[in-house]
Amino acid sequence: MDFRTTILPHRDRLFRLALGIIPDTAEAEDIVQDTMLRAWERRSEWPQIQNVEAWLTQICKNLALDYKKKIDRNSPLSTFPKTEESVKSTDETRRIETRDSLDLLHQLVNKLPPPQDDIFRLRDIEGLSYREIAIQLQLTEDQVRVYLHRARQQLRKQYSAIQNFGL
């Protein structure tokens, strides 16, 4: 197995995965770089790996979730506007509302139980087919469809409850 031909081609997909968990481009790039470093450090394990994509995805997901937990513990109010002036403009207000909605969606996706969280990201963010997801997660296509349906249903319900203040 060669690093350039087997590992590096997954960078873009790993970046999108990290960005789905951590909505900060620079931090997502760092997560991907750390993923590549971990893969290189564990090159002695490469011959035993059956699915490189799944292995890299798991490393990247774990690193991103660990980073997110650390950030959430240290600065829970970091997503709020810093000054009152930033809310005055209508465009700025819309941008903030959009960012807050996306942040909320990211939080809700991160709270989905496994494997619903992975399936949702792989299908609705990465755009993988049901078959590709089934192979990667070692499930049947029917299981992927059921888990995805449940994940979307749960996200819709929770998002709606929060946006409508439980009404």
N, C-alpha and C. Protein backbone atom coordinates (compact mmCIF):
# COMPACT_ATOMS: atom_id res chain seq x y z
N MET A 1 0.86 -1.17 0.00
CA MET A 1 0.00 0.00 0.00
C MET A 1 0.90 1.23 0.00
N ASP A 2 0.54 2.21 -0.81
CA ASP A 2 1.33 3.43 -0.96
C ASP A 2 0.54 4.61 -0.41
N PHE A 3 1.20 5.47 0.36
CA PHE A 3 0.55 6.62 0.98
C PHE A 3 -0.06 7.55 -0.07
N ARG A 4 0.69 7.83 -1.11
CA ARG A 4 0.22 8.78 -2.14
C ARG A 4 -0.99 8.27 -2.90
N THR A 5 -1.02 7.00 -3.20
CA THR A 5 -2.11 6.49 -4.03
C THR A 5 -3.28 5.94 -3.22
N THR A 6 -3.03 5.55 -1.97
CA THR A 6 -4.09 4.93 -1.19
C THR A 6 -4.69 5.86 -0.14
N ILE A 7 -3.87 6.66 0.51
CA ILE A 7 -4.32 7.51 1.62
C ILE A 7 -4.68 8.92 1.16
N LEU A 8 -3.77 9.58 0.45
CA LEU A 8 -3.97 10.98 0.07
C LEU A 8 -5.23 11.26 -0.76
N PRO A 9 -5.67 10.37 -1.63
CA PRO A 9 -6.88 10.67 -2.40
C PRO A 9 -8.14 10.90 -1.54
N HIS A 10 -8.11 10.54 -0.28
CA HIS A 10 -9.28 10.69 0.60
C HIS A 10 -9.32 12.05 1.31
N ARG A 11 -8.32 12.90 1.08
CA ARG A 11 -8.24 14.19 1.79
C ARG A 11 -9.50 15.03 1.66
N ASP A 12 -9.99 15.21 0.45
CA ASP A 12 -11.15 16.09 0.24
C ASP A 12 -12.38 15.60 0.99
N ARG A 13 -12.63 14.30 0.91
CA ARG A 13 -13.79 13.75 1.60
C ARG A 13 -13.63 13.87 3.11
N LEU A 14 -12.43 13.65 3.61
CA LEU A 14 -12.17 13.79 5.04
C LEU A 14 -12.34 15.24 5.48
N PHE A 15 -11.93 16.17 4.62
CA PHE A 15 -12.11 17.59 4.93
C PHE A 15 -13.59 17.93 5.05
N ARG A 16 -14.39 17.43 4.12
CA ARG A 16 -15.83 17.70 4.19
C ARG A 16 -16.45 17.09 5.45
N LEU A 17 -15.97 15.91 5.82
CA LEU A 17 -16.45 15.28 7.05
C LEU A 17 -16.08 16.13 8.26
N ALA A 18 -14.83 16.54 8.36
CA ALA A 18 -14.38 17.36 9.49
C ALA A 18 -15.13 18.69 9.51
N LEU A 19 -15.33 19.28 8.36
CA LEU A 19 -16.05 20.56 8.28
C LEU A 19 -17.51 20.40 8.69
N GLY A 20 -18.07 19.23 8.47
CA GLY A 20 -19.44 18.97 8.91
C GLY A 20 -19.55 18.90 10.43
N ILE A 21 -18.48 18.53 11.09
CA ILE A 21 -18.48 18.44 12.55
C ILE A 21 -18.01 19.75 13.17
N ILE A 22 -16.98 20.34 12.58
CA ILE A 22 -16.40 21.59 13.08
C ILE A 22 -16.55 22.64 11.98
N PRO A 23 -17.48 23.56 12.10
CA PRO A 23 -17.70 24.52 11.02
C PRO A 23 -16.65 25.63 10.97
N ASP A 24 -15.38 25.26 10.97
CA ASP A 24 -14.27 26.19 10.89
C ASP A 24 -13.26 25.59 9.90
N THR A 25 -13.06 26.26 8.79
CA THR A 25 -12.23 25.73 7.72
C THR A 25 -10.81 25.42 8.18
N ALA A 26 -10.19 26.34 8.88
CA ALA A 26 -8.80 26.14 9.31
C ALA A 26 -8.69 24.94 10.26
N GLU A 27 -9.62 24.83 11.18
CA GLU A 27 -9.58 23.72 12.13
C GLU A 27 -9.86 22.39 11.43
N ALA A 28 -10.78 22.41 10.46
CA ALA A 28 -11.07 21.19 9.70
C ALA A 28 -9.83 20.74 8.92
N GLU A 29 -9.10 21.70 8.36
CA GLU A 29 -7.85 21.37 7.65
C GLU A 29 -6.84 20.75 8.62
N ASP A 30 -6.76 21.29 9.84
CA ASP A 30 -5.85 20.73 10.84
C ASP A 30 -6.25 19.30 11.21
N ILE A 31 -7.55 19.07 11.31
CA ILE A 31 -8.03 17.72 11.63
C ILE A 31 -7.62 16.74 10.53
N VAL A 32 -7.76 17.15 9.28
CA VAL A 32 -7.37 16.27 8.16
C VAL A 32 -5.87 16.03 8.19
N GLN A 33 -5.10 17.06 8.46
CA GLN A 33 -3.65 16.90 8.54
C GLN A 33 -3.28 15.93 9.67
N ASP A 34 -3.94 16.06 10.82
CA ASP A 34 -3.71 15.13 11.93
C ASP A 34 -4.11 13.71 11.55
N THR A 35 -5.19 13.58 10.78
CA THR A 35 -5.63 12.26 10.32
C THR A 35 -4.56 11.63 9.44
N MET A 36 -4.02 12.42 8.51
CA MET A 36 -2.97 11.91 7.63
C MET A 36 -1.73 11.52 8.44
N LEU A 37 -1.40 12.32 9.43
CA LEU A 37 -0.25 12.02 10.28
C LEU A 37 -0.47 10.71 11.05
N ARG A 38 -1.65 10.55 11.61
CA ARG A 38 -1.95 9.30 12.34
C ARG A 38 -1.90 8.10 11.40
N ALA A 39 -2.41 8.28 10.20
CA ALA A 39 -2.37 7.17 9.23
C ALA A 39 -0.92 6.80 8.91
N TRP A 40 -0.07 7.81 8.74
CA TRP A 40 1.33 7.55 8.45
C TRP A 40 2.02 6.87 9.63
N GLU A 41 1.73 7.34 10.84
CA GLU A 41 2.34 6.75 12.03
C GLU A 41 1.92 5.30 12.23
N ARG A 42 0.75 4.93 11.72
CA ARG A 42 0.24 3.57 11.88
C ARG A 42 0.40 2.76 10.58
N ARG A 43 1.40 3.11 9.79
CA ARG A 43 1.60 2.43 8.50
C ARG A 43 1.91 0.95 8.66
N SER A 44 2.38 0.54 9.82
CA SER A 44 2.65 -0.89 10.04
C SER A 44 1.35 -1.70 10.05
N GLU A 45 0.21 -1.03 10.30
CA GLU A 45 -1.09 -1.70 10.32
C GLU A 45 -1.74 -1.80 8.94
N TRP A 46 -1.21 -1.11 7.95
CA TRP A 46 -1.84 -1.03 6.63
C TRP A 46 -2.16 -2.39 6.02
N PRO A 47 -1.28 -3.37 6.12
CA PRO A 47 -1.61 -4.66 5.47
C PRO A 47 -2.87 -5.33 6.04
N GLN A 48 -3.20 -5.06 7.30
CA GLN A 48 -4.37 -5.69 7.91
C GLN A 48 -5.67 -4.92 7.64
N ILE A 49 -5.58 -3.72 7.11
CA ILE A 49 -6.76 -2.88 6.89
C ILE A 49 -7.49 -3.34 5.64
N GLN A 50 -8.78 -3.66 5.81
CA GLN A 50 -9.57 -4.12 4.68
C GLN A 50 -10.23 -2.97 3.93
N ASN A 51 -10.65 -1.92 4.68
CA ASN A 51 -11.33 -0.79 4.06
C ASN A 51 -10.65 0.49 4.52
N VAL A 52 -9.75 1.00 3.69
CA VAL A 52 -8.96 2.18 4.03
C VAL A 52 -9.85 3.40 4.25
N GLU A 53 -10.85 3.55 3.42
CA GLU A 53 -11.75 4.70 3.52
C GLU A 53 -12.46 4.72 4.87
N ALA A 54 -12.98 3.58 5.29
CA ALA A 54 -13.66 3.50 6.58
C ALA A 54 -12.70 3.76 7.73
N TRP A 55 -11.49 3.24 7.62
CA TRP A 55 -10.48 3.42 8.65
C TRP A 55 -10.12 4.89 8.79
N LEU A 56 -9.88 5.57 7.68
CA LEU A 56 -9.55 7.00 7.70
C LEU A 56 -10.73 7.83 8.20
N THR A 57 -11.93 7.46 7.79
CA THR A 57 -13.13 8.17 8.23
C THR A 57 -13.26 8.11 9.74
N GLN A 58 -13.02 6.95 10.30
CA GLN A 58 -13.13 6.78 11.75
C GLN A 58 -12.09 7.61 12.49
N ILE A 59 -10.86 7.62 11.99
CA ILE A 59 -9.81 8.43 12.61
C ILE A 59 -10.19 9.91 12.57
N CYS A 60 -10.62 10.38 11.40
CA CYS A 60 -10.97 11.78 11.22
C CYS A 60 -12.16 12.16 12.10
N LYS A 61 -13.17 11.32 12.13
CA LYS A 61 -14.36 11.60 12.93
C LYS A 61 -13.99 11.70 14.42
N ASN A 62 -13.18 10.76 14.90
CA ASN A 62 -12.78 10.78 16.30
C ASN A 62 -11.99 12.03 16.65
N LEU A 63 -11.06 12.42 15.78
CA LEU A 63 -10.27 13.63 16.02
C LEU A 63 -11.17 14.87 16.04
N ALA A 64 -12.09 14.94 15.10
CA ALA A 64 -12.98 16.11 15.02
C ALA A 64 -13.90 16.19 16.24
N LEU A 65 -14.43 15.05 16.65
CA LEU A 65 -15.32 15.05 17.82
C LEU A 65 -14.56 15.39 19.09
N ASP A 66 -13.34 14.89 19.22
CA ASP A 66 -12.52 15.24 20.38
C ASP A 66 -12.24 16.73 20.41
N TYR A 67 -11.91 17.30 19.25
CA TYR A 67 -11.65 18.73 19.18
C TYR A 67 -12.91 19.53 19.53
N LYS A 68 -14.04 19.10 19.00
CA LYS A 68 -15.31 19.79 19.27
C LYS A 68 -15.65 19.76 20.75
N LYS A 69 -15.44 18.63 21.41
CA LYS A 69 -15.71 18.52 22.84
C LYS A 69 -14.82 19.49 23.62
N LYS A 70 -13.56 19.57 23.23
CA LYS A 70 -12.63 20.47 23.91
C LYS A 70 -13.07 21.93 23.74
N ILE A 71 -13.46 22.30 22.54
CA ILE A 71 -13.90 23.67 22.27
C ILE A 71 -15.20 23.97 23.02
N ASP A 72 -16.15 23.04 22.99
CA ASP A 72 -17.43 23.25 23.65
C ASP A 72 -17.26 23.44 25.16
N ARG A 73 -16.30 22.73 25.75
CA ARG A 73 -16.05 22.87 27.18
C ARG A 73 -15.42 24.22 27.50
N ASN A 74 -14.55 24.70 26.62
CA ASN A 74 -13.80 25.92 26.91
C ASN A 74 -14.53 27.21 26.58
N SER A 75 -15.36 27.22 25.54
CA SER A 75 -16.01 28.48 25.15
C SER A 75 -17.42 28.25 24.64
N PRO A 76 -18.37 28.00 25.53
CA PRO A 76 -19.73 27.73 25.08
C PRO A 76 -20.44 28.92 24.46
N LEU A 77 -19.97 30.13 24.71
CA LEU A 77 -20.65 31.31 24.17
C LEU A 77 -19.92 31.90 22.97
N SER A 78 -18.95 31.19 22.43
CA SER A 78 -18.13 31.75 21.35
C SER A 78 -18.89 31.98 20.05
N THR A 79 -20.05 31.36 19.86
CA THR A 79 -20.78 31.54 18.61
C THR A 79 -21.69 32.76 18.62
N PHE A 80 -21.84 33.44 19.73
CA PHE A 80 -22.71 34.60 19.80
C PHE A 80 -21.99 35.83 19.27
N PRO A 81 -22.74 36.77 18.68
CA PRO A 81 -22.11 37.99 18.18
C PRO A 81 -21.36 38.71 19.31
N LYS A 82 -20.21 39.30 18.98
CA LYS A 82 -19.38 39.93 19.99
C LYS A 82 -19.89 41.31 20.39
N THR A 83 -20.49 42.04 19.45
CA THR A 83 -20.94 43.39 19.76
C THR A 83 -22.38 43.56 19.31
N GLU A 84 -23.02 44.58 19.88
CA GLU A 84 -24.39 44.88 19.51
C GLU A 84 -24.46 45.43 18.09
N GLU A 85 -23.39 46.10 17.64
CA GLU A 85 -23.36 46.68 16.30
C GLU A 85 -23.45 45.61 15.21
N SER A 86 -22.95 44.43 15.47
CA SER A 86 -22.95 43.39 14.45
C SER A 86 -24.35 42.87 14.15
N VAL A 87 -25.33 43.17 15.01
CA VAL A 87 -26.69 42.69 14.82
C VAL A 87 -27.55 43.73 14.12
N LYS A 88 -27.10 44.97 14.02
CA LYS A 88 -27.93 46.05 13.50
C LYS A 88 -28.28 45.90 12.03
N SER A 89 -27.37 45.48 11.23
CA SER A 89 -27.61 45.37 9.80
C SER A 89 -28.50 44.17 9.50
N THR A 90 -29.42 44.34 8.57
CA THR A 90 -30.31 43.25 8.18
C THR A 90 -29.53 42.10 7.56
N ASP A 91 -28.58 42.41 6.70
CA ASP A 91 -27.76 41.36 6.08
C ASP A 91 -26.96 40.62 7.14
N GLU A 92 -26.41 41.38 8.07
CA GLU A 92 -25.64 40.76 9.14
C GLU A 92 -26.54 39.88 10.00
N THR A 93 -27.74 40.33 10.27
CA THR A 93 -28.67 39.55 11.06
C THR A 93 -29.03 38.25 10.36
N ARG A 94 -29.27 38.33 9.06
CA ARG A 94 -29.57 37.11 8.30
C ARG A 94 -28.39 36.14 8.31
N ARG A 95 -27.18 36.69 8.18
CA ARG A 95 -25.98 35.86 8.21
C ARG A 95 -25.85 35.16 9.55
N ILE A 96 -26.11 35.88 10.61
CA ILE A 96 -26.03 35.30 11.95
C ILE A 96 -27.09 34.24 12.15
N GLU A 97 -28.31 34.52 11.69
CA GLU A 97 -29.39 33.54 11.82
C GLU A 97 -29.05 32.27 11.04
N THR A 98 -28.50 32.44 9.86
CA THR A 98 -28.10 31.28 9.05
C THR A 98 -27.00 30.50 9.75
N ARG A 99 -26.01 31.21 10.27
CA ARG A 99 -24.92 30.54 10.98
C ARG A 99 -25.44 29.81 12.21
N ASP A 100 -26.35 30.47 12.95
CA ASP A 100 -26.92 29.83 14.14
C ASP A 100 -27.74 28.59 13.78
N SER A 101 -28.48 28.68 12.68
CA SER A 101 -29.25 27.52 12.23
C SER A 101 -28.33 26.37 11.85
N LEU A 102 -27.24 26.69 11.14
CA LEU A 102 -26.28 25.65 10.77
C LEU A 102 -25.58 25.08 12.00
N ASP A 103 -25.24 25.94 12.95
CA ASP A 103 -24.63 25.47 14.20
C ASP A 103 -25.58 24.52 14.93
N LEU A 104 -26.85 24.90 14.98
CA LEU A 104 -27.85 24.05 15.64
C LEU A 104 -27.96 22.71 14.92
N LEU A 105 -27.99 22.74 13.60
CA LEU A 105 -28.07 21.50 12.84
C LEU A 105 -26.84 20.63 13.09
N HIS A 106 -25.66 21.24 13.12
CA HIS A 106 -24.43 20.48 13.43
C HIS A 106 -24.53 19.84 14.81
N GLN A 107 -25.04 20.57 15.78
CA GLN A 107 -25.17 20.03 17.14
C GLN A 107 -26.15 18.86 17.16
N LEU A 108 -27.26 19.01 16.44
CA LEU A 108 -28.25 17.94 16.42
C LEU A 108 -27.71 16.70 15.71
N VAL A 109 -26.97 16.89 14.63
CA VAL A 109 -26.37 15.76 13.92
C VAL A 109 -25.37 15.05 14.83
N ASN A 110 -24.60 15.83 15.58
CA ASN A 110 -23.61 15.24 16.49
C ASN A 110 -24.25 14.46 17.63
N LYS A 111 -25.52 14.74 17.91
CA LYS A 111 -26.23 14.03 18.98
C LYS A 111 -26.95 12.77 18.48
N LEU A 112 -26.96 12.57 17.17
CA LEU A 112 -27.59 11.37 16.63
C LEU A 112 -26.83 10.13 17.11
N PRO A 113 -27.55 9.05 17.36
CA PRO A 113 -26.86 7.83 17.79
C PRO A 113 -26.14 7.17 16.60
N PRO A 114 -25.07 6.44 16.91
CA PRO A 114 -24.42 5.69 15.83
C PRO A 114 -25.33 4.57 15.37
N PRO A 115 -25.35 4.19 14.18
CA PRO A 115 -24.64 4.72 13.02
C PRO A 115 -25.42 5.80 12.28
N GLN A 116 -26.51 6.29 12.87
CA GLN A 116 -27.32 7.30 12.19
C GLN A 116 -26.50 8.54 11.85
N ASP A 117 -25.64 8.97 12.78
CA ASP A 117 -24.84 10.17 12.53
C ASP A 117 -23.92 9.99 11.33
N ASP A 118 -23.25 8.85 11.26
CA ASP A 118 -22.35 8.59 10.13
C ASP A 118 -23.13 8.49 8.82
N ILE A 119 -24.24 7.79 8.86
CA ILE A 119 -25.04 7.61 7.64
C ILE A 119 -25.57 8.94 7.14
N PHE A 120 -26.06 9.78 8.05
CA PHE A 120 -26.55 11.10 7.65
C PHE A 120 -25.45 11.92 6.99
N ARG A 121 -24.27 11.95 7.61
CA ARG A 121 -23.16 12.72 7.04
C ARG A 121 -22.73 12.16 5.69
N LEU A 122 -22.61 10.84 5.62
CA LEU A 122 -22.14 10.24 4.37
C LEU A 122 -23.13 10.44 3.23
N ARG A 123 -24.42 10.38 3.52
CA ARG A 123 -25.43 10.51 2.47
C ARG A 123 -25.74 11.97 2.16
N ASP A 124 -26.09 12.75 3.17
CA ASP A 124 -26.59 14.10 2.93
C ASP A 124 -25.51 15.17 2.86
N ILE A 125 -24.33 14.89 3.37
CA ILE A 125 -23.24 15.86 3.27
C ILE A 125 -22.23 15.42 2.22
N GLU A 126 -21.81 14.16 2.31
CA GLU A 126 -20.82 13.64 1.37
C GLU A 126 -21.43 13.26 0.02
N GLY A 127 -22.71 12.90 0.02
CA GLY A 127 -23.36 12.53 -1.23
C GLY A 127 -23.08 11.11 -1.70
N LEU A 128 -22.65 10.25 -0.78
CA LEU A 128 -22.39 8.86 -1.14
C LEU A 128 -23.70 8.14 -1.43
N SER A 129 -23.64 7.11 -2.25
CA SER A 129 -24.83 6.32 -2.56
C SER A 129 -25.13 5.38 -1.39
N TYR A 130 -26.33 4.83 -1.39
CA TYR A 130 -26.71 3.87 -0.34
C TYR A 130 -25.75 2.67 -0.36
N ARG A 131 -25.40 2.25 -1.55
CA ARG A 131 -24.51 1.09 -1.69
C ARG A 131 -23.13 1.39 -1.12
N GLU A 132 -22.58 2.56 -1.43
CA GLU A 132 -21.26 2.94 -0.91
C GLU A 132 -21.26 3.01 0.61
N ILE A 133 -22.33 3.57 1.16
CA ILE A 133 -22.45 3.66 2.62
C ILE A 133 -22.55 2.27 3.23
N ALA A 134 -23.35 1.43 2.62
CA ALA A 134 -23.52 0.06 3.12
C ALA A 134 -22.19 -0.68 3.15
N ILE A 135 -21.41 -0.53 2.11
CA ILE A 135 -20.11 -1.19 2.05
C ILE A 135 -19.17 -0.61 3.11
N GLN A 136 -19.15 0.70 3.20
CA GLN A 136 -18.23 1.35 4.13
C GLN A 136 -18.55 1.03 5.59
N LEU A 137 -19.84 0.98 5.93
CA LEU A 137 -20.23 0.74 7.32
C LEU A 137 -20.59 -0.72 7.59
N GLN A 138 -20.44 -1.56 6.57
CA GLN A 138 -20.72 -2.99 6.68
C GLN A 138 -22.16 -3.25 7.15
N LEU A 139 -23.10 -2.61 6.44
CA LEU A 139 -24.53 -2.77 6.67
C LEU A 139 -25.18 -3.16 5.34
N THR A 140 -26.46 -3.52 5.41
CA THR A 140 -27.20 -3.74 4.17
C THR A 140 -27.74 -2.40 3.69
N GLU A 141 -28.08 -2.33 2.41
CA GLU A 141 -28.64 -1.08 1.88
C GLU A 141 -29.96 -0.76 2.56
N ASP A 142 -30.75 -1.77 2.88
CA ASP A 142 -32.02 -1.54 3.58
C ASP A 142 -31.78 -0.95 4.96
N GLN A 143 -30.75 -1.44 5.67
CA GLN A 143 -30.44 -0.88 6.98
C GLN A 143 -30.02 0.59 6.85
N VAL A 144 -29.26 0.90 5.83
CA VAL A 144 -28.83 2.28 5.59
C VAL A 144 -30.05 3.17 5.38
N ARG A 145 -30.99 2.71 4.56
CA ARG A 145 -32.20 3.50 4.30
C ARG A 145 -33.02 3.72 5.58
N VAL A 146 -33.16 2.67 6.39
CA VAL A 146 -33.94 2.78 7.63
C VAL A 146 -33.25 3.76 8.59
N TYR A 147 -31.95 3.59 8.79
CA TYR A 147 -31.21 4.48 9.69
C TYR A 147 -31.26 5.93 9.21
N LEU A 148 -31.13 6.14 7.90
CA LEU A 148 -31.17 7.49 7.36
C LEU A 148 -32.55 8.11 7.56
N HIS A 149 -33.60 7.32 7.32
CA HIS A 149 -34.97 7.82 7.53
C HIS A 149 -35.16 8.23 8.99
N ARG A 150 -34.72 7.39 9.90
CA ARG A 150 -34.85 7.69 11.34
C ARG A 150 -34.04 8.93 11.72
N ALA A 151 -32.85 9.06 11.17
CA ALA A 151 -32.02 10.22 11.47
C ALA A 151 -32.68 11.50 10.99
N ARG A 152 -33.16 11.49 9.75
CA ARG A 152 -33.81 12.68 9.20
C ARG A 152 -35.07 13.02 9.99
N GLN A 153 -35.82 12.01 10.36
CA GLN A 153 -37.04 12.22 11.14
C GLN A 153 -36.71 12.86 12.48
N GLN A 154 -35.70 12.32 13.15
CA GLN A 154 -35.31 12.85 14.45
C GLN A 154 -34.78 14.29 14.33
N LEU A 155 -33.98 14.55 13.31
CA LEU A 155 -33.46 15.90 13.11
C LEU A 155 -34.59 16.89 12.84
N ARG A 156 -35.52 16.49 11.98
CA ARG A 156 -36.66 17.35 11.67
C ARG A 156 -37.46 17.70 12.94
N LYS A 157 -37.72 16.67 13.73
CA LYS A 157 -38.51 16.85 14.95
C LYS A 157 -37.79 17.75 15.95
N GLN A 158 -36.52 17.49 16.20
CA GLN A 158 -35.78 18.28 17.18
C GLN A 158 -35.55 19.71 16.69
N TYR A 159 -35.21 19.88 15.42
CA TYR A 159 -34.98 21.20 14.86
C TYR A 159 -36.26 22.03 14.93
N SER A 160 -37.36 21.42 14.55
CA SER A 160 -38.64 22.11 14.57
C SER A 160 -39.04 22.50 15.99
N ALA A 161 -38.83 21.61 16.94
CA ALA A 161 -39.17 21.90 18.34
C ALA A 161 -38.36 23.07 18.86
N ILE A 162 -37.09 23.14 18.51
CA ILE A 162 -36.25 24.23 18.99
C ILE A 162 -36.61 25.53 18.28
N GLN A 163 -36.80 25.49 16.98
CA GLN A 163 -37.13 26.70 16.23
C GLN A 163 -38.50 27.26 16.61
N ASN A 164 -39.41 26.38 16.96
CA ASN A 164 -40.76 26.83 17.31
C ASN A 164 -40.95 26.91 18.82
N PHE A 165 -39.87 26.89 19.58
CA PHE A 165 -39.90 26.99 21.03
C PHE A 165 -40.81 25.95 21.65
N GLY A 166 -40.80 24.77 21.06
CA GLY A 166 -41.59 23.66 21.60
C GLY A 166 -43.07 23.76 21.32
N LEU A 167 -43.49 24.73 20.50
CA LEU A 167 -44.93 24.90 20.21
C LEU A 167 -45.35 24.04 19.03
